[in-house]
Every structure is written in structure tokens, then in C-alpha cells.
Amino acid sequence: MSFFSGAGGLDRGFELAGYEVVYANEYDKTIWSTYQRNFPATHLDRRSIVEVQADEVPDCDGMIGGPPCQSWSEAGALRGIADARGQLFFEYIRLLGAKRPLFLLAENVSGILFNRHQDAFVSILANFSALGYNVSYGLLNANDYGVPQDRERVIIVGYLAQTEIHFVPPPPVLPRPTLEVIRDLAVSARPAADKNRSNGRALAVANHEYMTGGFSTIYMSRNRVRPYDRPSYTIQAGGRHAPLHPQAPEMILVGEDQRIFVPGSEALYRRLTVRECARIQTFPDTHVFEYSKIADGYKMVGNAVPVTFASHLAAKIKEDLEGCEQLDRSPIVPGTISGPDFWPAQTMALPLAT
């Protein structure tokens, strides 16, 4: 089962590892058509997770999803669990306890590890443990797992305590990929239509269009260009803050937190297209994003878990749990928690948080 499914990056990665996604839940109506186009065989529940009852969803081997990260983000207000979106983590926990799958996987931004969120994060982990899961968590960079960008995310994986297994992430994949993956797309990019609307069917490559408009002082406060031989900056959910295409030279520092474009080369500076961002997020070109406002395209791509990153995690989970499908899942055996470096030797028992 997939919750907070978005455009399906995590789901696509699990499919590549051999899983079948039988149920998906996504409340954002701007995403529905994209998800259904790319996962026609998966039942899409369009309600808020708050409204979903356990007897309305199928039994499953795993429960995956990334509860909304905006309230934990460095770029956001850092409200954490005090934000209604942050509290959705506990709806995920509610359904987990009712369905008791073999494993869980949750993904979130690095901001969830900030000291100000410690009590909330420990509470989340403690609830997973009290439900009978051996929980591992840590900060991983997707660039170590076949994704051509620097993208650090907190990954939480829990296995039913009956398995007596803790998740340890797979070893990094070398060599690490770079922006070379988008070089072939450079000549066919198109600016967005009027008012940053989509060009639709007029595009030679689906979603290969970029947001136009000025660059804020915040945007110009640091370099936004990386060359082809390096990984991209993190792909974000906002088109205004999309990285610049590597055809342009790196920006010039002219003062504290102030940069300019190289004089004479201004025409080379454009944001990455939605499709280029999707390539960097390792979506296949056949994964088409449907939108009328180009901002919605960037949002779907930027909020996704990179497909290849997800597939590496999924393959390791599948390997770990081989032969565990017939375990009795009914008794709740208190689990343990390992982190922040995923090593089981660092396990610690935590009480159930109220």
C-alpha cells in the first residue's frame, strides 16, 4: 500500500524491484490524473488519509509513503508536528497498526532531524516500535544510489519484530551519476506558454518545458549552476527555485550572498525543464506528468522520491524479508530502534509516546 503517493516515484521504484502496488492514497487533486495515467492498474483512493478506515484498504506485505515534508523542511516554517501536515504521520501509524504488514518505509526531509523536532521524531519512532517493528532510520544521499543529484533524505524502515531483522541500507553504487543524463535534451527545451501554462501536445518531448520569469534576490544569493560532470543540486518542488541548466557558466560572486550571471552569457541561463528535473529524479521518459500550470509539474516532480533510489531500497527490503511472508503477524512483539547510522548494534528500546 502506498500513502501520500504523489506522482509515484516511490511506487515506481518498488515496482521495479518486483512489488505490486495494489492501493494508493493521494489527496491532491492536481496529481490524480498523473498517477492514474502512469499506474492504471492500481486503485487510487482520493480521500484524505484521515478519512480512510483500515477495513477499506487491502491486506499487504508492505506500507510505504512519505508523509508531507513541508512542515519539517529547512525552507519552510519548521513547524513540525505542530503543523496539521506533520500530524498526518500519526494517521500513517494508525493504519500501520491496524494492517500490520511485514514492513514499513517512510521518507522525509533532513529537517525532521533538527533538535527542535526531537520530541516529535522520537514519538514517531517509539510508536512504530510499540506496534511491533524493529525500526532503523538514517540520512541517505540519493546520489549514492544512482540518482544524478545531491539529495539527502531521512529514510525510516521497520520490519516486524518477529523477523528479528533490522534494515541496513545497501552499499553505495559507483560511479555516481551526473548531469550527463540530460545532455541530449538541451536543444529541444521550450519556454512555458503565456502565464507559465503548459505547451501541452506541442512539445516534442513530454513535459520538456521550463518556467519563465525573473529570479529573486534569494535565488541570486548563491550559485545555481552545476556543470555536466557533477550531480545536480537538489530538485525542489517549486519551479521558481529549479536549478539552472548546465549549458550556462557558474554564476559570479559579487558581494556577500550576491551573484550575477556572466556578462554576455545571459541567454544561456534558464531553469531546468520539468522533464529534465524528472530525468534527474530518475523517472523514465514514459512517465508523463499531466498539468495545465507548469508549477504543478515542478511540484509533482520535486516532491517525489527518486525512482532509482526507491528501487535500491525496495530491493534490499525484498532480499531481507525473503521467506518471511508466512510469519504470524498477530502478536505484537515490542520492537527496537536503531540509528542514526542504521547499525543494529546501536539499538535502543523506547517507550510508547503519548
Protein backbone atom coordinates (compact mmCIF):
# COMPACT_ATOMS: atom_id res chain seq x y z
CA MET A 1 0.00 0.00 0.00
CA SER A 2 1.19 3.47 -0.85
CA PHE A 3 0.18 6.58 1.08
CA PHE A 4 0.93 10.20 0.16
CA SER A 5 1.67 8.67 -3.23
CA GLY A 6 2.22 11.87 -5.20
CA ALA A 7 3.32 11.26 -8.77
CA GLY A 8 4.51 7.77 -7.89
CA GLY A 9 8.30 7.89 -7.58
CA LEU A 10 8.38 5.58 -4.59
CA ASP A 11 5.72 3.33 -6.13
CA ARG A 12 7.62 3.07 -9.44
CA GLY A 13 10.80 2.13 -7.59
CA PHE A 14 9.05 -0.65 -5.69
CA GLU A 15 7.51 -1.94 -8.92
CA LEU A 16 10.98 -2.11 -10.46
CA ALA A 17 12.08 -4.24 -7.50
CA GLY A 18 9.26 -6.71 -8.11
CA TYR A 19 6.45 -5.43 -5.88
CA GLU A 20 2.86 -4.85 -6.94
CA VAL A 21 1.27 -1.63 -5.66
CA VAL A 22 -2.34 -2.67 -5.00
CA TYR A 23 -3.58 0.52 -3.34
CA ALA A 24 -2.52 4.17 -3.42
CA ASN A 25 -3.80 7.15 -1.49
CA GLU A 26 -3.35 10.75 -2.67
CA TYR A 27 -5.46 13.75 -1.64
CA ASP A 28 -4.06 16.41 -4.01
CA LYS A 29 -6.42 16.65 -6.96
CA THR A 30 -3.74 18.19 -9.20
CA ILE A 31 -1.91 14.84 -9.08
CA TRP A 32 -4.77 12.38 -9.69
CA SER A 33 -4.65 12.32 -13.48
CA THR A 34 -0.87 11.89 -13.49
CA TYR A 35 -0.99 8.97 -11.06
CA GLN A 36 -3.81 7.20 -12.85
CA ARG A 37 -2.15 7.63 -16.24
CA ASN A 38 1.06 6.01 -15.02
CA PHE A 39 -0.45 3.36 -12.72
CA PRO A 40 -3.70 2.34 -14.42
CA ALA A 41 -3.89 -0.99 -12.58
CA THR A 42 -3.56 0.50 -9.08
CA HIS A 43 -6.64 1.55 -7.14
CA LEU A 44 -6.28 5.26 -6.31
CA ASP A 45 -8.12 6.43 -3.19
CA ARG A 46 -8.59 10.20 -3.47
CA ARG A 47 -9.64 10.87 0.11
CA SER A 48 -7.53 12.32 2.88
CA ILE A 49 -5.78 9.61 4.89
CA VAL A 50 -7.74 10.96 7.88
CA GLU A 51 -10.93 9.56 6.32
CA VAL A 52 -9.51 6.14 5.41
CA GLN A 53 -10.55 3.25 7.63
CA ALA A 54 -8.45 0.11 7.96
CA ASP A 55 -11.19 -2.22 6.69
CA GLU A 56 -11.35 -0.17 3.46
CA VAL A 57 -7.80 -0.97 2.38
CA PRO A 58 -6.32 -4.35 1.41
CA ASP A 59 -4.00 -6.53 3.42
CA CYS A 60 -0.45 -6.17 2.17
CA ASP A 61 3.19 -7.09 2.71
CA GLY A 62 4.40 -3.51 2.95
CA MET A 63 3.23 0.02 3.62
CA ILE A 64 5.18 2.83 2.01
CA GLY A 65 4.85 6.58 1.82
CA GLY A 66 6.35 9.95 2.59
CA PRO A 67 4.04 11.99 4.85
CA PRO A 68 4.08 15.67 3.83
CA CYS A 69 7.50 17.18 4.39
CA GLN A 70 6.75 20.91 4.17
CA SER A 71 6.31 21.31 7.93
CA TRP A 72 9.73 19.75 8.57
CA SER A 73 11.61 21.45 5.74
CA GLU A 74 14.57 23.77 6.12
CA ALA A 75 12.91 26.04 3.57
CA GLY A 76 9.56 26.00 5.37
CA ALA A 77 8.33 27.31 8.69
CA LEU A 78 9.77 24.33 10.62
CA ARG A 79 6.51 23.82 12.49
CA GLY A 80 6.94 20.05 12.52
CA ILE A 81 4.33 18.07 14.42
CA ALA A 82 2.52 21.28 15.42
CA ASP A 83 1.51 21.62 11.78
CA ALA A 84 -1.57 19.69 10.65
CA ARG A 85 0.50 18.18 7.84
CA GLY A 86 3.08 16.91 10.32
CA GLN A 87 0.33 15.22 12.31
CA LEU A 88 -0.53 13.10 9.27
CA PHE A 89 2.38 10.89 10.34
CA PHE A 90 0.13 9.58 13.10
CA GLU A 91 -2.61 8.67 10.62
CA TYR A 92 0.03 6.58 8.85
CA ILE A 93 0.82 4.95 12.22
CA ARG A 94 -2.88 4.29 12.86
CA LEU A 95 -3.29 2.32 9.65
CA LEU A 96 0.03 0.56 10.11
CA GLY A 97 -1.12 -0.78 13.47
CA ALA A 98 -4.39 -1.99 12.03
CA LYS A 99 -2.91 -3.75 8.96
CA ARG A 100 0.41 -4.98 10.41
CA PRO A 101 2.32 -5.52 7.17
CA LEU A 102 5.75 -7.15 7.17
CA PHE A 103 7.49 -3.82 6.65
CA LEU A 104 7.06 -0.07 6.52
CA LEU A 105 9.06 2.59 4.73
CA ALA A 106 8.71 6.32 5.31
CA GLU A 107 10.74 9.09 3.68
CA ASN A 108 11.16 12.69 4.80
CA VAL A 109 13.42 15.72 4.56
CA SER A 110 16.53 16.11 6.70
CA GLY A 111 14.81 18.85 8.69
CA ILE A 112 12.90 16.22 10.65
CA LEU A 113 16.20 15.54 12.48
CA PHE A 114 16.58 19.13 13.74
CA ASN A 115 16.81 19.45 17.52
CA ARG A 116 13.56 21.39 17.70
CA HIS A 117 11.73 18.33 16.30
CA GLN A 118 13.45 15.75 18.50
CA ASP A 119 10.46 15.01 20.76
CA ALA A 120 8.11 14.61 17.80
CA PHE A 121 10.52 12.41 15.88
CA VAL A 122 11.23 10.20 18.88
CA SER A 123 7.47 9.89 19.37
CA ILE A 124 7.03 8.70 15.78
CA LEU A 125 9.80 6.12 16.14
CA ALA A 126 8.50 4.98 19.52
CA ASN A 127 5.04 4.38 18.10
CA PHE A 128 6.49 2.28 15.29
CA SER A 129 8.43 0.28 17.87
CA ALA A 130 5.43 -0.18 20.17
CA LEU A 131 3.43 -1.55 17.25
CA GLY A 132 5.98 -4.34 16.96
CA TYR A 133 8.54 -3.11 14.43
CA ASN A 134 12.32 -3.09 14.52
CA VAL A 135 12.89 0.42 13.22
CA SER A 136 16.01 1.75 11.51
CA TYR A 137 16.49 5.33 10.44
CA GLY A 138 19.23 7.46 8.96
CA LEU A 139 20.16 10.16 6.49
CA LEU A 140 20.96 8.92 2.98
CA ASN A 141 22.04 10.77 -0.17
CA ALA A 142 20.21 9.63 -3.29
CA ASN A 143 23.36 10.34 -5.32
CA ASP A 144 24.90 7.27 -3.67
CA TYR A 145 22.15 5.17 -5.22
CA GLY A 146 22.11 6.01 -8.91
CA VAL A 147 20.43 9.43 -8.80
CA PRO A 148 22.23 12.34 -10.52
CA GLN A 149 21.64 14.92 -7.79
CA ASP A 150 22.68 15.66 -4.24
CA ARG A 151 19.52 14.86 -2.31
CA GLU A 152 19.69 13.97 1.37
CA ARG A 153 16.60 12.40 2.87
CA VAL A 154 15.73 10.65 6.12
CA ILE A 155 14.72 7.06 5.47
CA ILE A 156 12.81 5.07 8.10
CA VAL A 157 12.38 1.34 7.59
CA GLY A 158 10.64 -1.00 10.00
CA TYR A 159 10.46 -4.80 9.93
CA LEU A 160 8.06 -6.81 12.10
CA ALA A 161 9.95 -7.75 15.25
CA GLN A 162 9.17 -11.44 14.59
CA THR A 163 11.64 -11.32 11.71
CA GLU A 164 14.45 -10.49 14.15
CA ILE A 165 15.95 -8.34 11.39
CA HIS A 166 16.97 -4.68 11.21
CA PHE A 167 17.26 -2.88 7.91
CA VAL A 168 20.76 -1.82 6.88
CA PRO A 169 20.97 0.21 3.64
CA PRO A 170 22.64 -1.28 0.58
CA PRO A 171 26.18 -0.16 -0.26
CA PRO A 172 26.57 2.91 -2.48
CA VAL A 173 26.54 2.44 -6.23
CA LEU A 174 29.62 3.60 -8.13
CA PRO A 175 30.31 5.54 -10.20
CA ARG A 176 27.84 8.19 -9.06
CA PRO A 177 25.79 9.61 -11.96
CA THR A 178 25.95 13.23 -13.08
CA LEU A 179 24.04 15.76 -15.18
CA GLU A 180 25.21 13.96 -18.31
CA VAL A 181 21.82 12.24 -18.15
CA ILE A 182 20.12 15.38 -19.53
CA ARG A 183 22.64 16.47 -22.18
CA ASP A 184 20.62 15.02 -25.06
CA LEU A 185 17.58 17.10 -24.10
CA ALA A 186 19.23 20.52 -24.32
CA VAL A 187 18.28 21.51 -27.87
CA SER A 188 14.56 20.70 -27.66
CA ALA A 189 13.62 22.59 -24.49
CA ARG A 190 10.82 25.14 -24.78
CA PRO A 191 9.75 28.00 -22.52
CA ALA A 192 6.34 27.72 -20.89
CA ALA A 193 3.35 29.22 -22.65
CA ASP A 194 1.77 32.51 -21.59
CA LYS A 195 1.40 32.92 -17.80
CA ASN A 196 3.56 29.82 -17.31
CA ARG A 197 0.93 27.49 -18.70
CA SER A 198 1.83 24.20 -20.35
CA ASN A 199 2.53 23.91 -24.07
CA GLY A 200 0.68 20.58 -23.95
CA ARG A 201 0.83 18.42 -27.05
CA ALA A 202 3.01 20.95 -28.90
CA LEU A 203 6.09 19.58 -27.13
CA ALA A 204 8.39 17.15 -28.94
CA VAL A 205 9.25 15.54 -25.58
CA ALA A 206 6.55 15.33 -22.92
CA ASN A 207 6.94 17.93 -20.14
CA HIS A 208 10.09 19.36 -21.72
CA GLU A 209 9.28 22.99 -20.88
CA TYR A 210 10.67 25.43 -18.37
CA MET A 211 9.25 28.15 -16.16
CA THR A 212 9.95 31.71 -17.26
CA GLY A 213 10.16 34.90 -15.24
CA GLY A 214 12.67 36.76 -13.12
CA PHE A 215 14.99 35.45 -10.44
CA SER A 216 14.56 36.66 -6.87
CA THR A 217 17.35 38.07 -4.70
CA ILE A 218 17.18 34.86 -2.67
CA TYR A 219 17.68 32.84 -5.84
CA MET A 220 20.63 35.03 -6.84
CA SER A 221 22.24 34.69 -3.40
CA ARG A 222 24.10 31.53 -4.38
CA ASN A 223 25.29 29.68 -7.45
CA ARG A 224 22.54 27.68 -9.13
CA VAL A 225 24.57 26.09 -11.93
CA ARG A 226 26.39 22.80 -11.88
CA PRO A 227 28.34 21.51 -14.91
CA TYR A 228 27.54 18.30 -16.75
CA ASP A 229 30.25 16.35 -14.93
CA ARG A 230 28.70 16.90 -11.50
CA PRO A 231 25.40 15.86 -9.90
CA SER A 232 22.58 18.38 -9.87
CA TYR A 233 21.60 20.50 -6.94
CA THR A 234 18.52 19.10 -5.18
CA ILE A 235 15.41 19.19 -7.33
CA GLN A 236 12.85 21.17 -5.36
CA ALA A 237 9.07 21.28 -5.59
CA GLY A 238 8.93 24.90 -6.72
CA GLY A 239 9.66 25.84 -10.32
CA ARG A 240 10.95 29.28 -9.34
CA HIS A 241 13.79 27.60 -7.50
CA ALA A 242 14.64 24.96 -10.09
CA PRO A 243 18.39 24.69 -10.78
CA LEU A 244 19.80 26.32 -13.91
CA HIS A 245 20.76 24.29 -16.94
CA PRO A 246 24.47 23.25 -17.13
CA GLN A 247 24.84 24.94 -20.54
CA ALA A 248 25.44 28.17 -18.59
CA PRO A 249 28.69 29.05 -16.76
CA GLU A 250 28.68 29.19 -12.98
CA MET A 251 27.38 32.45 -11.53
CA ILE A 252 29.84 35.12 -10.33
CA LEU A 253 30.06 36.17 -6.68
CA VAL A 254 30.00 39.99 -6.49
CA GLY A 255 29.15 40.50 -2.81
CA GLU A 256 28.04 38.71 0.30
CA ASP A 257 25.18 36.39 -0.77
CA GLN A 258 25.01 38.19 -4.11
CA ARG A 259 25.75 36.71 -7.51
CA ILE A 260 25.24 37.68 -11.13
CA PHE A 261 25.13 35.89 -14.45
CA VAL A 262 28.31 36.00 -16.52
CA PRO A 263 28.06 39.14 -18.69
CA GLY A 264 27.45 38.25 -22.33
CA SER A 265 26.11 34.80 -21.44
CA GLU A 266 22.74 35.80 -20.02
CA ALA A 267 20.82 33.96 -22.75
CA LEU A 268 22.25 30.65 -21.55
CA TYR A 269 20.66 30.91 -18.13
CA ARG A 270 17.34 29.09 -17.96
CA ARG A 271 15.72 26.86 -15.41
CA LEU A 272 15.75 23.12 -15.96
CA THR A 273 12.59 21.88 -17.66
CA VAL A 274 10.04 19.69 -15.90
CA ARG A 275 11.30 16.74 -17.99
CA GLU A 276 14.94 17.45 -17.15
CA CYS A 277 14.01 17.56 -13.48
CA ALA A 278 12.15 14.27 -13.94
CA ARG A 279 15.22 12.70 -15.59
CA ILE A 280 17.32 13.86 -12.65
CA GLN A 281 14.70 12.29 -10.35
CA THR A 282 15.21 9.13 -12.48
CA PHE A 283 11.66 8.93 -13.79
CA PRO A 284 11.57 7.21 -17.19
CA ASP A 285 10.56 9.45 -20.10
CA THR A 286 7.44 7.31 -20.44
CA HIS A 287 6.26 8.61 -17.06
CA VAL A 288 4.19 11.61 -18.20
CA PHE A 289 3.11 14.40 -15.85
CA GLU A 290 -0.27 15.96 -16.56
CA TYR A 291 -0.87 19.60 -15.65
CA SER A 292 -2.06 22.90 -17.08
CA LYS A 293 0.05 25.12 -14.82
CA ILE A 294 3.73 24.35 -15.17
CA ALA A 295 4.19 24.98 -11.43
CA ASP A 296 2.18 21.82 -10.76
CA GLY A 297 4.58 19.83 -12.92
CA TYR A 298 7.59 21.01 -10.92
CA LYS A 299 5.71 20.32 -7.68
CA MET A 300 4.95 16.72 -8.59
CA VAL A 301 8.50 16.01 -9.73
CA GLY A 302 10.23 17.79 -6.85
CA ASN A 303 8.14 16.18 -4.12
CA ALA A 304 8.75 12.65 -5.45
CA VAL A 305 11.18 10.07 -4.14
CA PRO A 306 13.71 9.42 -6.93
CA VAL A 307 12.72 6.21 -8.68
CA THR A 308 16.16 4.58 -8.75
CA PHE A 309 16.79 5.44 -5.10
CA ALA A 310 13.46 3.83 -4.19
CA SER A 311 14.26 0.72 -6.23
CA HIS A 312 17.56 0.16 -4.40
CA LEU A 313 15.82 0.43 -1.02
CA ALA A 314 12.99 -1.82 -2.18
CA ALA A 315 15.36 -4.49 -3.49
CA LYS A 316 17.19 -4.59 -0.16
CA ILE A 317 13.91 -4.92 1.74
CA LYS A 318 12.81 -7.72 -0.59
CA GLU A 319 16.10 -9.55 -0.06
CA ASP A 320 15.92 -9.14 3.73
CA LEU A 321 12.37 -10.46 4.01
CA GLU A 322 12.64 -13.39 1.61
CA GLY A 323 10.78 -16.30 3.20
CA CYS A 324 9.10 -14.19 5.91
CA GLU A 325 5.73 -13.94 4.18
CA GLN A 326 4.15 -16.68 6.33
CA LEU A 327 5.09 -15.18 9.69
CA ASP A 328 2.30 -14.83 12.24
CA ARG A 329 1.67 -11.09 12.28
CA SER A 330 -0.98 -11.05 15.00
CA PRO A 331 1.06 -10.94 18.24
CA ILE A 332 2.69 -7.58 18.94
CA VAL A 333 6.28 -8.16 19.98
CA PRO A 334 7.83 -4.81 21.03
CA GLY A 335 10.48 -3.74 18.58
CA THR A 336 13.70 -1.78 18.89
CA ILE A 337 15.08 1.32 17.22
CA SER A 338 18.46 1.69 15.54
CA GLY A 339 20.01 4.90 14.34
CA PRO A 340 21.16 7.35 13.29
CA ASP A 341 23.58 5.26 11.23
CA PHE A 342 21.31 2.25 10.74
CA TRP A 343 23.59 -0.15 12.63
CA PRO A 344 21.72 -2.72 14.75
CA ALA A 345 24.41 -2.58 17.42
CA GLN A 346 23.11 0.87 18.34
CA THR A 347 19.57 -0.33 19.07
CA MET A 348 17.68 1.19 21.94
CA ALA A 349 14.22 0.50 23.36
CA LEU A 350 11.87 3.46 23.67
CA PRO A 351 8.53 3.63 25.49
CA LEU A 352 5.31 4.31 23.64
CA ALA A 353 4.87 8.06 23.30
CA THR A 354 1.56 9.54 24.36
